[in-house]
Amino acid sequence: MAKTISGNFSSFMAECFAVREGLKFAAEVGLNVSVVQTDARNVVESITQRIDIGLKRRLAASKTL
């Protein structure tokens, strides 16, 4: 199912949108996603870093409770 996103985006942003929209679609139809494949290494690294930062924040917050 194609979705149009208006604007002028870099290839990095286009890949990010593709991953996001794919994950949103999977959630909408009730699929659990365990693997995301892409050939854009910088997108994978960006997602991984954000997940690491989020986990570290949650761990730090749980230690202060």
PDB file of N, CA and C in Angstrom:
ATOM      1  N   MET A   1       0.847  -1.159   0.000  1.00  0.00           N
ATOM      2  CA  MET A   1       0.000   0.000   0.000  1.00  0.00           C
ATOM      3  C   MET A   1       0.904   1.237   0.000  1.00  0.00           C
ATOM      4  N   ALA A   2       0.842   2.029  -1.043  1.00  0.00           N
ATOM      5  CA  ALA A   2       1.681   3.214  -1.174  1.00  0.00           C
ATOM      6  C   ALA A   2       1.082   4.389  -0.418  1.00  0.00           C
ATOM      7  N   LYS A   3       1.979   5.227   0.110  1.00  0.00           N
ATOM      8  CA  LYS A   3       1.545   6.436   0.800  1.00  0.00           C
ATOM      9  C   LYS A   3       2.397   7.591   0.282  1.00  0.00           C
ATOM     10  N   THR A   4       1.752   8.684  -0.058  1.00  0.00           N
ATOM     11  CA  THR A   4       2.457   9.852  -0.546  1.00  0.00           C
ATOM     12  C   THR A   4       2.803  10.767   0.623  1.00  0.00           C
ATOM     13  N   ILE A   5       4.058  11.167   0.683  1.00  0.00           N
ATOM     14  CA  ILE A   5       4.512  12.133   1.679  1.00  0.00           C
ATOM     15  C   ILE A   5       5.090  13.299   0.901  1.00  0.00           C
ATOM     16  N   SER A   6       4.451  14.446   0.990  1.00  0.00           N
ATOM     17  CA  SER A   6       4.875  15.613   0.211  1.00  0.00           C
ATOM     18  C   SER A   6       6.108  16.254   0.812  1.00  0.00           C
ATOM     19  N   GLY A   7       6.963  16.748  -0.043  1.00  0.00           N
ATOM     20  CA  GLY A   7       8.136  17.465   0.411  1.00  0.00           C
ATOM     21  C   GLY A   7       9.363  17.060  -0.380  1.00  0.00           C
ATOM     22  N   ASN A   8      10.476  17.680  -0.047  1.00  0.00           N
ATOM     23  CA  ASN A   8      11.753  17.394  -0.675  1.00  0.00           C
ATOM     24  C   ASN A   8      12.668  16.846   0.413  1.00  0.00           C
ATOM     25  N   PHE A   9      12.953  15.549   0.351  1.00  0.00           N
ATOM     26  CA  PHE A   9      13.677  14.883   1.430  1.00  0.00           C
ATOM     27  C   PHE A   9      14.976  14.260   0.938  1.00  0.00           C
ATOM     28  N   SER A  10      15.933  14.164   1.833  1.00  0.00           N
ATOM     29  CA  SER A  10      17.173  13.459   1.526  1.00  0.00           C
ATOM     30  C   SER A  10      16.889  11.958   1.460  1.00  0.00           C
ATOM     31  N   SER A  11      17.828  11.210   0.924  1.00  0.00           N
ATOM     32  CA  SER A  11      17.646   9.754   0.873  1.00  0.00           C
ATOM     33  C   SER A  11      17.557   9.180   2.281  1.00  0.00           C
ATOM     34  N   PHE A  12      18.305   9.749   3.232  1.00  0.00           N
ATOM     35  CA  PHE A  12      18.249   9.309   4.620  1.00  0.00           C
ATOM     36  C   PHE A  12      16.840   9.477   5.185  1.00  0.00           C
ATOM     37  N   MET A  13      16.252  10.647   4.988  1.00  0.00           N
ATOM     38  CA  MET A  13      14.910  10.893   5.505  1.00  0.00           C
ATOM     39  C   MET A  13      13.885  10.008   4.807  1.00  0.00           C
ATOM     40  N   ALA A  14      14.053   9.793   3.505  1.00  0.00           N
ATOM     41  CA  ALA A  14      13.130   8.923   2.779  1.00  0.00           C
ATOM     42  C   ALA A  14      13.169   7.502   3.339  1.00  0.00           C
ATOM     43  N   GLU A  15      14.365   7.013   3.629  1.00  0.00           N
ATOM     44  CA  GLU A  15      14.493   5.673   4.224  1.00  0.00           C
ATOM     45  C   GLU A  15      13.875   5.643   5.623  1.00  0.00           C
ATOM     46  N   CYS A  16      14.075   6.705   6.399  1.00  0.00           N
ATOM     47  CA  CYS A  16      13.468   6.781   7.736  1.00  0.00           C
ATOM     48  C   CYS A  16      11.947   6.739   7.646  1.00  0.00           C
ATOM     49  N   PHE A  17      11.394   7.516   6.716  1.00  0.00           N
ATOM     50  CA  PHE A  17       9.938   7.499   6.528  1.00  0.00           C
ATOM     51  C   PHE A  17       9.458   6.108   6.124  1.00  0.00           C
ATOM     52  N   ALA A  18      10.206   5.444   5.257  1.00  0.00           N
ATOM     53  CA  ALA A  18       9.807   4.108   4.804  1.00  0.00           C
ATOM     54  C   ALA A  18       9.765   3.118   5.972  1.00  0.00           C
ATOM     55  N   VAL A  19      10.776   3.168   6.826  1.00  0.00           N
ATOM     56  CA  VAL A  19      10.800   2.280   7.994  1.00  0.00           C
ATOM     57  C   VAL A  19       9.640   2.619   8.920  1.00  0.00           C
ATOM     58  N   ARG A  20       9.453   3.914   9.203  1.00  0.00           N
ATOM     59  CA  ARG A  20       8.369   4.334  10.095  1.00  0.00           C
ATOM     60  C   ARG A  20       7.005   3.914   9.566  1.00  0.00           C
ATOM     61  N   GLU A  21       6.757   4.182   8.303  1.00  0.00           N
ATOM     62  CA  GLU A  21       5.452   3.852   7.730  1.00  0.00           C
ATOM     63  C   GLU A  21       5.230   2.339   7.694  1.00  0.00           C
ATOM     64  N   GLY A  22       6.282   1.586   7.429  1.00  0.00           N
ATOM     65  CA  GLY A  22       6.163   0.132   7.448  1.00  0.00           C
ATOM     66  C   GLY A  22       5.826  -0.402   8.824  1.00  0.00           C
ATOM     67  N   LEU A  23       6.459   0.163   9.850  1.00  0.00           N
ATOM     68  CA  LEU A  23       6.173  -0.253  11.230  1.00  0.00           C
ATOM     69  C   LEU A  23       4.771   0.169  11.662  1.00  0.00           C
ATOM     70  N   LYS A  24       4.350   1.362  11.247  1.00  0.00           N
ATOM     71  CA  LYS A  24       2.995   1.814  11.562  1.00  0.00           C
ATOM     72  C   LYS A  24       1.955   0.910  10.914  1.00  0.00           C
ATOM     73  N   PHE A  25       2.189   0.533   9.657  1.00  0.00           N
ATOM     74  CA  PHE A  25       1.263  -0.354   8.962  1.00  0.00           C
ATOM     75  C   PHE A  25       1.192  -1.714   9.659  1.00  0.00           C
ATOM     76  N   ALA A  26       2.339  -2.256  10.030  1.00  0.00           N
ATOM     77  CA  ALA A  26       2.364  -3.544  10.719  1.00  0.00           C
ATOM     78  C   ALA A  26       1.563  -3.476  12.012  1.00  0.00           C
ATOM     79  N   ALA A  27       1.719  -2.397  12.763  1.00  0.00           N
ATOM     80  CA  ALA A  27       0.981  -2.239  14.019  1.00  0.00           C
ATOM     81  C   ALA A  27      -0.522  -2.135  13.757  1.00  0.00           C
ATOM     82  N   GLU A  28      -0.889  -1.412  12.711  1.00  0.00           N
ATOM     83  CA  GLU A  28      -2.313  -1.236  12.388  1.00  0.00           C
ATOM     84  C   GLU A  28      -3.002  -2.552  12.038  1.00  0.00           C
ATOM     85  N   VAL A  29      -2.274  -3.474  11.409  1.00  0.00           N
ATOM     86  CA  VAL A  29      -2.873  -4.758  11.027  1.00  0.00           C
ATOM     87  C   VAL A  29      -2.590  -5.853  12.047  1.00  0.00           C
ATOM     88  N   GLY A  30      -1.977  -5.458  13.187  1.00  0.00           N
ATOM     89  CA  GLY A  30      -1.787  -6.397  14.283  1.00  0.00           C
ATOM     90  C   GLY A  30      -0.583  -7.315  14.175  1.00  0.00           C
ATOM     91  N   LEU A  31       0.418  -6.922  13.412  1.00  0.00           N
ATOM     92  CA  LEU A  31       1.618  -7.747  13.287  1.00  0.00           C
ATOM     93  C   LEU A  31       2.667  -7.333  14.315  1.00  0.00           C
ATOM     94  N   ASN A  32       3.362  -8.305  14.871  1.00  0.00           N
ATOM     95  CA  ASN A  32       4.499  -8.044  15.747  1.00  0.00           C
ATOM     96  C   ASN A  32       5.759  -8.096  14.897  1.00  0.00           C
ATOM     97  N   VAL A  33       6.535  -7.048  14.910  1.00  0.00           N
ATOM     98  CA  VAL A  33       7.732  -6.960  14.086  1.00  0.00           C
ATOM     99  C   VAL A  33       8.950  -7.276  14.945  1.00  0.00           C
ATOM    100  N   SER A  34       9.727  -8.259  14.503  1.00  0.00           N
ATOM    101  CA  SER A  34      10.946  -8.599  15.235  1.00  0.00           C
ATOM    102  C   SER A  34      12.201  -8.270  14.434  1.00  0.00           C
ATOM    103  N   VAL A  35      12.055  -8.072  13.121  1.00  0.00           N
ATOM    104  CA  VAL A  35      13.196  -7.753  12.259  1.00  0.00           C
ATOM    105  C   VAL A  35      12.778  -6.696  11.246  1.00  0.00           C
ATOM    106  N   VAL A  36      13.646  -5.706  11.064  1.00  0.00           N
ATOM    107  CA  VAL A  36      13.451  -4.701  10.023  1.00  0.00           C
ATOM    108  C   VAL A  36      14.692  -4.755   9.141  1.00  0.00           C
ATOM    109  N   GLN A  37      14.492  -4.905   7.848  1.00  0.00           N
ATOM    110  CA  GLN A  37      15.622  -4.964   6.923  1.00  0.00           C
ATOM    111  C   GLN A  37      15.667  -3.716   6.061  1.00  0.00           C
ATOM    112  N   THR A  38      16.857  -3.167   5.919  1.00  0.00           N
ATOM    113  CA  THR A  38      17.076  -2.025   5.040  1.00  0.00           C
ATOM    114  C   THR A  38      18.531  -2.048   4.600  1.00  0.00           C
ATOM    115  N   ASP A  39      18.813  -1.434   3.470  1.00  0.00           N
ATOM    116  CA  ASP A  39      20.195  -1.340   3.011  1.00  0.00           C
ATOM    117  C   ASP A  39      20.828  -0.008   3.417  1.00  0.00           C
ATOM    118  N   ALA A  40      20.108   0.770   4.189  1.00  0.00           N
ATOM    119  CA  ALA A  40      20.596   2.080   4.622  1.00  0.00           C
ATOM    120  C   ALA A  40      21.215   1.962   6.016  1.00  0.00           C
ATOM    121  N   ARG A  41      22.511   1.767   6.042  1.00  0.00           N
ATOM    122  CA  ARG A  41      23.212   1.564   7.314  1.00  0.00           C
ATOM    123  C   ARG A  41      23.029   2.751   8.267  1.00  0.00           C
ATOM    124  N   ASN A  42      23.032   3.968   7.723  1.00  0.00           N
ATOM    125  CA  ASN A  42      22.897   5.143   8.583  1.00  0.00           C
ATOM    126  C   ASN A  42      21.529   5.188   9.267  1.00  0.00           C
ATOM    127  N   VAL A  43      20.504   4.656   8.625  1.00  0.00           N
ATOM    128  CA  VAL A  43      19.180   4.595   9.248  1.00  0.00           C
ATOM    129  C   VAL A  43      19.202   3.588  10.394  1.00  0.00           C
ATOM    130  N   VAL A  44      19.793   2.436  10.152  1.00  0.00           N
ATOM    131  CA  VAL A  44      19.902   1.406  11.191  1.00  0.00           C
ATOM    132  C   VAL A  44      20.677   1.947  12.390  1.00  0.00           C
ATOM    133  N   GLU A  45      21.798   2.615  12.137  1.00  0.00           N
ATOM    134  CA  GLU A  45      22.602   3.171  13.225  1.00  0.00           C
ATOM    135  C   GLU A  45      21.832   4.234  14.001  1.00  0.00           C
ATOM    136  N   SER A  46      21.075   5.065  13.308  1.00  0.00           N
ATOM    137  CA  SER A  46      20.286   6.101  13.967  1.00  0.00           C
ATOM    138  C   SER A  46      19.216   5.491  14.865  1.00  0.00           C
ATOM    139  N   ILE A  47      18.518   4.491  14.349  1.00  0.00           N
ATOM    140  CA  ILE A  47      17.474   3.829  15.138  1.00  0.00           C
ATOM    141  C   ILE A  47      18.092   3.143  16.352  1.00  0.00           C
ATOM    142  N   THR A  48      19.201   2.440  16.144  1.00  0.00           N
ATOM    143  CA  THR A  48      19.866   1.717  17.231  1.00  0.00           C
ATOM    144  C   THR A  48      20.333   2.673  18.323  1.00  0.00           C
ATOM    145  N   GLN A  49      20.910   3.794  17.938  1.00  0.00           N
ATOM    146  CA  GLN A  49      21.375   4.773  18.925  1.00  0.00           C
ATOM    147  C   GLN A  49      20.214   5.336  19.733  1.00  0.00           C
ATOM    148  N   ARG A  50      19.102   5.613  19.074  1.00  0.00           N
ATOM    149  CA  ARG A  50      17.940   6.155  19.780  1.00  0.00           C
ATOM    150  C   ARG A  50      17.361   5.124  20.754  1.00  0.00           C
ATOM    151  N   ILE A  51      17.360   3.862  20.354  1.00  0.00           N
ATOM    152  CA  ILE A  51      16.873   2.812  21.247  1.00  0.00           C
ATOM    153  C   ILE A  51      17.790   2.705  22.456  1.00  0.00           C
ATOM    154  N   ASP A  52      19.114   2.733  22.228  1.00  0.00           N
ATOM    155  CA  ASP A  52      20.072   2.657  23.329  1.00  0.00           C
ATOM    156  C   ASP A  52      19.879   3.816  24.304  1.00  0.00           C
ATOM    157  N   ILE A  53      19.689   5.029  23.785  1.00  0.00           N
ATOM    158  CA  ILE A  53      19.489   6.202  24.640  1.00  0.00           C
ATOM    159  C   ILE A  53      18.201   6.043  25.449  1.00  0.00           C
ATOM    160  N   GLY A  54      17.138   5.589  24.811  1.00  0.00           N
ATOM    161  CA  GLY A  54      15.864   5.390  25.508  1.00  0.00           C
ATOM    162  C   GLY A  54      15.965   4.361  26.611  1.00  0.00           C
ATOM    163  N   LEU A  55      16.656   3.257  26.340  1.00  0.00           N
ATOM    164  CA  LEU A  55      16.819   2.219  27.356  1.00  0.00           C
ATOM    165  C   LEU A  55      17.649   2.724  28.533  1.00  0.00           C
ATOM    166  N   LYS A  56      18.699   3.461  28.236  1.00  0.00           N
ATOM    167  CA  LYS A  56      19.546   4.002  29.306  1.00  0.00           C
ATOM    168  C   LYS A  56      18.751   4.965  30.185  1.00  0.00           C
ATOM    169  N   ARG A  57      17.902   5.788  29.575  1.00  0.00           N
ATOM    170  CA  ARG A  57      17.071   6.715  30.354  1.00  0.00           C
ATOM    171  C   ARG A  57      16.095   5.957  31.243  1.00  0.00           C
ATOM    172  N   ARG A  58      15.468   4.910  30.701  1.00  0.00           N
ATOM    173  CA  ARG A  58      14.530   4.115  31.497  1.00  0.00           C
ATOM    174  C   ARG A  58      15.223   3.436  32.662  1.00  0.00           C
ATOM    175  N   LEU A  59      16.410   2.898  32.419  1.00  0.00           N
ATOM    176  CA  LEU A  59      17.158   2.244  33.496  1.00  0.00           C
ATOM    177  C   LEU A  59      17.531   3.252  34.585  1.00  0.00           C
ATOM    178  N   ALA A  60      17.993   4.420  34.164  1.00  0.00           N
ATOM    179  CA  ALA A  60      18.369   5.452  35.128  1.00  0.00           C
ATOM    180  C   ALA A  60      17.139   5.889  35.946  1.00  0.00           C
ATOM    181  N   ALA A  61      15.999   6.031  35.281  1.00  0.00           N
ATOM    182  CA  ALA A  61      14.773   6.445  35.982  1.00  0.00           C
ATOM    183  C   ALA A  61      14.315   5.371  36.956  1.00  0.00           C
ATOM    184  N   SER A  62      14.451   4.115  36.591  1.00  0.00           N
ATOM    185  CA  SER A  62      13.983   3.038  37.475  1.00  0.00           C
ATOM    186  C   SER A  62      14.879   2.896  38.696  1.00  0.00           C
ATOM    187  N   LYS A  63      16.136   3.279  38.596  1.00  0.00           N
ATOM    188  CA  LYS A  63      17.056   3.209  39.726  1.00  0.00           C
ATOM    189  C   LYS A  63      16.765   4.291  40.751  1.00  0.00           C
ATOM    190  N   THR A  64      16.129   5.377  40.313  1.00  0.00           N
ATOM    191  CA  THR A  64      15.850   6.482  41.241  1.00  0.00           C
ATOM    192  C   THR A  64      14.519   6.298  41.962  1.00  0.00           C
ATOM    193  N   LEU A  65      13.736   5.287  41.567  1.00  0.00           N
ATOM    194  CA  LEU A  65      12.425   5.090  42.203  1.00  0.00           C
ATOM    195  C   LEU A  65      12.540   4.438  43.532  1.00  0.00           C
TER     196      LEU A  65
END
